């Protein structure tokens, strides 16, 4: 059972409802928290609508709103998971509110200092996981170390990558390059157990597949992610315009349409379904507010997949096996400014 926030879809309630129907058609059961008169999911097979008219917007202070409004849709979705009625939660609404509701309601895994927001990058032919992309703008080196373990466990359990290569985003490949936090994390990860650490990676290495998991702080990660998504849209648009430039180009474009269509789908953020908040005791997926119906369905599918493969339990096991929840790593932490 997946708890779906019924508010926040920028394309409207009809798109959110269509996304829920697509996911339900796959056999995924949902409990949708939203306005009964707008979502229109009463009586749908595999979908239970729990009516609520309160929701937290992007203009609200997320932490204050989550604490003060227990009837808000995202707070009720988190509570539904916390009480065991649902197994995971999904929202395409306010990212801050979703992270706050999930963190307060689901709680962190034992020993996890900070949950991290991870996303599978829209890179054709590669499963590259990138974290943190916005949950933590200021980090310690121990946080980066834990992010590495969280990402590796998710990549292996959900994305099917065997012994994922983990890289640390920096301004150079040398071990001493980057901020004090990055350099210290590099030293810890170089000798970390249960992890295939490949060292520092630069920004150009991310789309090239230099690592299966790329770790950074949430400030840098969010900027890099949006840059990559914007570049992908620009490239797709430029190819489309070029294919329409003249009759000869249009004829070539028709021949290339099947191949280009596949690339366009792989570059579309809707394909990955959104980001997952790693390090909690249950699954929380943050979808894009601008998601299409298929994008919303993919966010629900991602949550269901995480539950199916026991991603949370496997993450906890890897953290423990590698010692990433113990004080030995935390003791090396150094506080510092955001990257």
Protein backbone atom coordinates (compact mmCIF):
# COMPACT_ATOMS: atom_id res chain seq x y z
CA UNK A 1 0.00 0.00 0.00
CA UNK A 2 1.38 3.42 -1.01
CA UNK A 3 0.21 6.69 0.61
CA UNK A 4 -0.03 9.38 -2.09
CA UNK A 5 -0.33 13.09 -1.34
CA UNK A 6 -3.31 14.29 -3.38
CA UNK A 7 -2.14 17.90 -3.59
CA UNK A 8 0.77 19.70 -5.24
CA UNK A 9 0.60 18.54 -8.87
CA UNK A 10 1.34 21.64 -10.95
CA UNK A 11 -0.59 20.25 -13.91
CA UNK A 12 -3.72 19.81 -11.82
CA UNK A 13 -5.72 17.23 -9.90
CA UNK A 14 -6.76 15.42 -13.08
CA UNK A 15 -3.13 14.62 -13.91
CA UNK A 16 -2.50 13.37 -10.38
CA UNK A 17 -5.61 11.19 -10.57
CA UNK A 18 -4.54 9.78 -13.93
CA UNK A 19 -1.12 8.96 -12.49
CA UNK A 20 -2.74 7.14 -9.58
CA UNK A 21 -4.90 5.15 -12.01
CA UNK A 22 -1.88 4.14 -14.11
CA UNK A 23 -0.05 2.90 -11.00
CA UNK A 24 -3.15 1.09 -9.74
CA UNK A 25 -3.47 -0.66 -13.11
CA UNK A 26 -0.04 -2.19 -12.37
CA UNK A 27 -1.49 -3.78 -9.25
CA UNK A 28 -0.17 -1.18 -6.79
CA UNK A 29 -2.69 -0.30 -4.09
CA UNK A 30 -2.90 3.34 -3.04
CA UNK A 31 -4.37 5.49 -0.33
CA UNK A 32 -4.72 9.03 -1.71
CA UNK A 33 -5.00 11.96 0.71
CA UNK A 34 -6.71 14.82 -1.08
CA UNK A 35 -9.87 16.76 -1.91
CA UNK A 36 -12.74 14.37 -2.65
CA UNK A 37 -14.44 16.74 -5.08
CA UNK A 38 -11.35 17.41 -7.19
CA UNK A 39 -9.29 14.24 -7.34
CA UNK A 40 -12.27 12.15 -8.46
CA UNK A 41 -10.98 8.73 -7.43
CA UNK A 42 -14.01 7.49 -5.48
CA UNK A 43 -14.64 3.83 -6.18
CA UNK A 44 -11.55 3.30 -8.35
CA UNK A 45 -10.12 -0.23 -8.22
CA UNK A 46 -7.09 -0.44 -5.95
CA UNK A 47 -7.43 3.18 -4.77
CA UNK A 48 -8.84 4.45 -1.48
CA UNK A 49 -9.48 8.19 -1.22
CA UNK A 50 -9.09 9.75 2.22
CA UNK A 51 -10.68 13.17 2.05
CA UNK A 52 -8.79 16.19 3.34
CA UNK A 53 -8.83 19.81 2.22
CA UNK A 54 -5.72 21.01 4.04
CA UNK A 55 -2.37 21.04 2.29
CA UNK A 56 1.05 22.68 2.59
CA UNK A 57 2.15 24.84 -0.33
CA UNK A 58 5.60 25.97 -1.45
CA UNK A 59 4.90 29.36 0.14
CA UNK A 60 4.46 27.90 3.63
CA UNK A 61 7.32 27.38 6.05
CA UNK A 62 7.62 23.59 5.74
CA UNK A 63 8.80 22.70 9.25
CA UNK A 64 6.37 25.03 11.04
CA UNK A 65 3.47 23.96 8.84
CA UNK A 66 4.14 20.24 9.31
CA UNK A 67 4.26 20.68 13.08
CA UNK A 68 1.16 22.86 13.29
CA UNK A 69 -1.18 21.19 10.76
CA UNK A 70 -1.76 17.49 11.47
CA UNK A 71 -4.64 17.34 8.97
CA UNK A 72 -2.51 18.50 6.04
CA UNK A 73 -2.39 15.89 3.27
CA UNK A 74 1.36 15.24 3.42
CA UNK A 75 1.33 14.98 7.23
CA UNK A 76 -1.53 12.47 7.09
CA UNK A 77 0.29 10.46 4.40
CA UNK A 78 3.39 10.25 6.61
CA UNK A 79 1.28 9.27 9.60
CA UNK A 80 -0.37 6.56 7.52
CA UNK A 81 3.05 5.01 6.90
CA UNK A 82 4.16 5.48 10.50
CA UNK A 83 1.11 3.58 11.79
CA UNK A 84 1.63 0.75 9.30
CA UNK A 85 -1.46 1.24 7.16
CA UNK A 86 0.75 2.13 4.19
CA UNK A 87 4.30 0.97 3.45
CA UNK A 88 5.64 4.05 1.65
CA UNK A 89 4.69 7.64 0.87
CA UNK A 90 4.84 9.70 -2.32
CA UNK A 91 4.32 13.41 -2.95
CA UNK A 92 4.76 15.79 -5.87
CA UNK A 93 4.00 18.77 -3.64
CA UNK A 94 6.32 20.93 -1.57
CA UNK A 95 9.73 19.25 -1.33
CA UNK A 96 10.47 20.89 2.01
CA UNK A 97 7.14 19.81 3.50
CA UNK A 98 7.57 16.27 2.21
CA UNK A 99 11.04 15.99 3.72
CA UNK A 100 9.89 17.49 7.04
CA UNK A 101 6.79 15.28 7.28
CA UNK A 102 8.76 12.18 6.35
CA UNK A 103 11.62 12.90 8.75
CA UNK A 104 9.32 13.68 11.68
CA UNK A 105 6.82 10.93 10.94
CA UNK A 106 8.99 8.06 9.74
CA UNK A 107 12.11 8.80 11.81
CA UNK A 108 15.72 8.13 10.90
CA UNK A 109 17.39 4.75 10.84
CA UNK A 110 19.44 4.09 13.95
CA UNK A 111 22.75 5.94 13.74
CA UNK A 112 21.86 8.00 10.65
CA UNK A 113 22.80 11.61 11.26
CA UNK A 114 21.09 13.18 8.24
CA UNK A 115 18.71 11.71 5.65
CA UNK A 116 19.79 12.43 2.08
CA UNK A 117 17.70 13.11 -1.01
CA UNK A 118 18.87 10.85 -3.85
CA UNK A 119 17.85 10.80 -7.51
CA UNK A 120 18.64 8.57 -10.46
CA UNK A 121 20.06 10.90 -13.09
CA UNK A 122 18.43 10.99 -16.53
CA UNK A 123 21.51 9.66 -18.34
CA UNK A 124 20.88 7.33 -21.31
CA UNK A 125 22.10 3.81 -20.76
CA UNK A 126 23.42 4.32 -17.22
CA UNK A 127 22.03 4.01 -13.71
CA UNK A 128 23.81 6.85 -11.89
CA UNK A 129 22.55 7.77 -8.43
CA UNK A 130 23.25 11.31 -7.21
CA UNK A 131 22.95 12.48 -3.61
CA UNK A 132 22.38 14.71 -1.73
CA UNK A 133 20.26 16.90 -4.04
CA UNK A 134 18.72 19.25 -1.53
CA UNK A 135 18.10 17.88 1.94
CA UNK A 136 21.31 19.19 3.55
CA UNK A 137 22.94 22.40 2.35
CA UNK A 138 25.59 22.31 5.09
CA UNK A 139 27.30 18.99 5.82
CA UNK A 140 30.05 17.41 7.90
CA UNK A 141 32.46 14.87 6.51
CA UNK A 142 30.67 12.10 8.44
CA UNK A 143 27.45 13.02 6.63
CA UNK A 144 29.16 12.54 3.27
CA UNK A 145 30.46 9.16 4.43
CA UNK A 146 26.97 8.06 5.40
CA UNK A 147 25.57 9.35 2.12
CA UNK A 148 28.04 7.07 0.35
CA UNK A 149 26.72 4.03 2.20
CA UNK A 150 23.09 5.07 1.74
CA UNK A 151 23.60 5.55 -1.99
CA UNK A 152 25.49 2.31 -2.47
CA UNK A 153 22.81 0.29 -0.69
CA UNK A 154 20.02 1.88 -2.75
CA UNK A 155 21.92 1.47 -6.03
CA UNK A 156 22.45 -2.21 -5.36
CA UNK A 157 18.99 -2.98 -3.95
CA UNK A 158 16.75 -0.91 -6.23
CA UNK A 159 18.75 -0.12 -9.36
CA UNK A 160 20.34 -3.56 -9.57
CA UNK A 161 23.96 -2.37 -9.74
CA UNK A 162 26.35 -5.00 -8.40
CA UNK A 163 29.13 -3.57 -6.23
CA UNK A 164 28.35 0.04 -7.22
CA UNK A 165 31.32 2.34 -7.65
CA UNK A 166 31.05 5.29 -5.29
CA UNK A 167 32.62 8.64 -6.12
CA UNK A 168 32.93 11.88 -4.18
CA UNK A 169 32.18 15.03 -6.16
CA UNK A 170 35.07 17.48 -6.01
CA UNK A 171 37.06 19.97 -8.06
CA UNK A 172 39.83 17.52 -8.88
CA UNK A 173 40.67 13.83 -8.82
CA UNK A 174 43.47 14.18 -6.27
CA UNK A 175 42.58 13.12 -2.72
CA UNK A 176 43.36 16.51 -1.19
CA UNK A 177 41.20 18.54 -3.58
CA UNK A 178 37.96 20.18 -2.47
CA UNK A 179 36.66 21.55 0.81
CA UNK A 180 37.95 20.39 4.17
CA UNK A 181 34.82 18.25 4.54
CA UNK A 182 35.35 16.58 1.15
CA UNK A 183 39.05 15.91 1.81
CA UNK A 184 38.31 14.41 5.23
CA UNK A 185 35.48 12.26 3.83
CA UNK A 186 37.84 11.04 1.11
CA UNK A 187 40.29 9.85 3.74
CA UNK A 188 37.59 7.95 5.62
CA UNK A 189 36.02 6.41 2.50
CA UNK A 190 39.40 5.27 1.17
CA UNK A 191 39.58 2.72 3.97
CA UNK A 192 35.87 2.09 4.43
CA UNK A 193 34.64 -1.49 4.66
CA UNK A 194 31.90 -2.85 2.42
CA UNK A 195 32.17 -0.02 -0.09
CA UNK A 196 33.76 0.23 -3.53
CA UNK A 197 35.12 3.76 -3.34
CA UNK A 198 36.71 5.04 -6.57
CA UNK A 199 37.87 8.41 -5.25
CA UNK A 200 36.99 11.91 -6.33
CA UNK A 201 35.00 12.57 -9.49
CA UNK A 202 34.61 15.90 -11.26
CA UNK A 203 31.42 17.31 -12.70
CA UNK A 204 32.29 16.16 -16.21
CA UNK A 205 32.64 12.59 -14.94
CA UNK A 206 29.00 12.36 -13.78
CA UNK A 207 27.31 11.94 -17.20
CA UNK A 208 30.29 9.92 -18.44
CA UNK A 209 29.60 7.21 -15.86
CA UNK A 210 32.77 7.64 -13.83
CA UNK A 211 30.86 6.29 -10.82
CA UNK A 212 27.54 4.57 -10.17
CA UNK A 213 26.92 6.65 -7.04
CA UNK A 214 28.07 10.27 -6.78
CA UNK A 215 28.08 11.92 -3.34
CA UNK A 216 28.00 15.62 -2.52
CA UNK A 217 26.29 18.14 -0.24
CA UNK A 218 22.71 19.22 -0.90
CA UNK A 219 23.59 22.74 -2.01
CA UNK A 220 26.02 21.62 -4.71
CA UNK A 221 23.87 18.63 -5.62
CA UNK A 222 20.70 20.63 -6.17
CA UNK A 223 22.44 23.14 -8.43
CA UNK A 224 24.17 20.39 -10.41
CA UNK A 225 20.94 18.41 -10.81
CA UNK A 226 18.97 21.38 -12.13
CA UNK A 227 21.81 22.29 -14.47
CA UNK A 228 21.80 18.75 -15.91
CA UNK A 229 18.01 18.68 -16.25
CA UNK A 230 18.00 22.08 -17.96
CA UNK A 231 20.80 21.04 -20.31
CA UNK A 232 18.94 17.84 -21.20
CA UNK A 233 15.80 19.83 -22.09
CA UNK A 234 17.88 22.25 -24.17
CA UNK A 235 19.57 19.42 -26.08
CA UNK A 236 16.28 17.67 -26.79
CA UNK A 237 14.75 20.94 -27.97
CA UNK A 238 17.74 21.73 -30.18
CA UNK A 239 17.54 18.30 -31.82
CA UNK A 240 13.83 18.75 -32.43
CA UNK A 241 14.32 22.20 -33.97
CA UNK A 242 17.17 20.96 -36.15
CA UNK A 243 15.00 18.10 -37.43
CA UNK A 244 12.39 20.65 -38.55
CA UNK A 245 14.79 23.15 -40.09
CA UNK A 246 14.12 22.23 -43.73
CA UNK A 247 12.47 19.47 -45.81
CA UNK A 248 15.66 17.37 -45.99
CA UNK A 249 16.19 17.62 -42.22
CA UNK A 250 12.53 16.76 -41.68
CA UNK A 251 12.88 13.61 -43.79
CA UNK A 252 15.94 12.60 -41.80
CA UNK A 253 14.10 13.39 -38.62
CA UNK A 254 11.33 10.96 -39.54
CA UNK A 255 13.89 8.19 -40.02
CA UNK A 256 15.54 9.02 -36.69
CA UNK A 257 12.29 9.44 -34.76
CA UNK A 258 12.25 5.97 -33.10
CA UNK A 259 15.84 6.30 -31.86
CA UNK A 260 15.45 9.93 -30.81
CA UNK A 261 12.21 9.11 -29.04
CA UNK A 262 14.03 6.58 -26.88
CA UNK A 263 16.74 9.09 -25.99
CA UNK A 264 14.14 11.74 -25.20
CA UNK A 265 12.36 9.37 -22.81
CA UNK A 266 15.62 8.50 -21.03
CA UNK A 267 16.47 12.19 -20.62
CA UNK A 268 13.00 13.03 -19.27
CA UNK A 269 13.01 13.40 -15.45
CA UNK A 270 9.53 11.84 -15.43
CA UNK A 271 11.13 8.53 -16.37
CA UNK A 272 12.96 8.15 -13.04
CA UNK A 273 9.90 9.06 -10.96
CA UNK A 274 11.62 11.50 -8.64
CA UNK A 275 13.97 11.45 -5.66
CA UNK A 276 13.93 9.23 -2.59
CA UNK A 277 14.73 10.35 0.93
CA UNK A 278 17.31 7.82 2.13
CA UNK A 279 18.13 7.09 5.76
CA UNK A 280 14.58 6.82 7.10
CA UNK A 281 12.78 3.81 8.58
CA UNK A 282 10.33 3.73 5.68
CA UNK A 283 10.25 4.83 2.05
CA UNK A 284 9.50 8.44 1.05
CA UNK A 285 9.59 9.53 -2.60
CA UNK A 286 9.60 13.18 -3.70
CA UNK A 287 8.30 13.55 -7.25
CA UNK A 288 8.55 16.55 -9.56
CA UNK A 289 5.75 19.08 -9.11
CA UNK A 290 5.58 19.39 -12.90
CA UNK A 291 5.26 15.61 -13.37
CA UNK A 292 2.99 14.22 -16.04
CA UNK A 293 0.58 11.41 -15.20
CA UNK A 294 3.27 8.92 -16.22
CA UNK A 295 5.79 10.71 -14.00
CA UNK A 296 3.46 10.45 -11.00
CA UNK A 297 2.87 6.78 -11.77
CA UNK A 298 6.63 6.24 -11.94
CA UNK A 299 7.08 7.90 -8.54
CA UNK A 300 4.55 5.46 -7.09
CA UNK A 301 6.25 2.56 -8.90
CA UNK A 302 9.61 3.64 -7.44
CA UNK A 303 8.15 3.61 -3.93
CA UNK A 304 6.57 0.20 -4.50
CA UNK A 305 9.84 -1.16 -5.89
CA UNK A 306 11.73 0.05 -2.82
CA UNK A 307 9.26 -1.74 -0.56
CA UNK A 308 9.39 -4.91 -2.67
CA UNK A 309 13.19 -5.25 -2.52
CA UNK A 310 13.35 -4.23 1.16
CA UNK A 311 15.54 -1.24 0.35
CA UNK A 312 15.30 0.22 3.86
CA UNK A 313 16.34 -3.02 5.56
CA UNK A 314 19.21 -3.58 3.14
CA UNK A 315 20.39 -0.01 3.62
CA UNK A 316 20.42 -0.44 7.39
CA UNK A 317 22.41 -3.67 7.04
CA UNK A 318 25.07 -2.06 4.84
CA UNK A 319 25.39 0.93 7.16
CA UNK A 320 25.94 -1.39 10.09
CA UNK A 321 28.32 -3.70 8.23
CA UNK A 322 30.47 -0.78 7.13
CA UNK A 323 30.46 0.90 10.51
CA UNK A 324 28.89 4.05 9.07
CA UNK A 325 26.52 4.43 12.04
CA UNK A 326 29.20 4.22 14.70
CA UNK A 327 30.99 6.97 16.55
CA UNK A 328 34.34 6.09 14.94
CA UNK A 329 33.30 7.83 11.75
CA UNK A 330 31.35 10.61 13.43
CA UNK A 331 34.42 11.45 15.47
CA UNK A 332 36.27 12.47 12.33
CA UNK A 333 33.57 14.97 11.37
CA UNK A 334 34.42 18.59 10.90
CA UNK A 335 31.87 21.34 10.78
CA UNK A 336 32.17 23.91 8.07
CA UNK A 337 30.44 26.32 5.73
CA UNK A 338 28.20 25.16 2.95
CA UNK A 339 29.97 24.26 -0.26
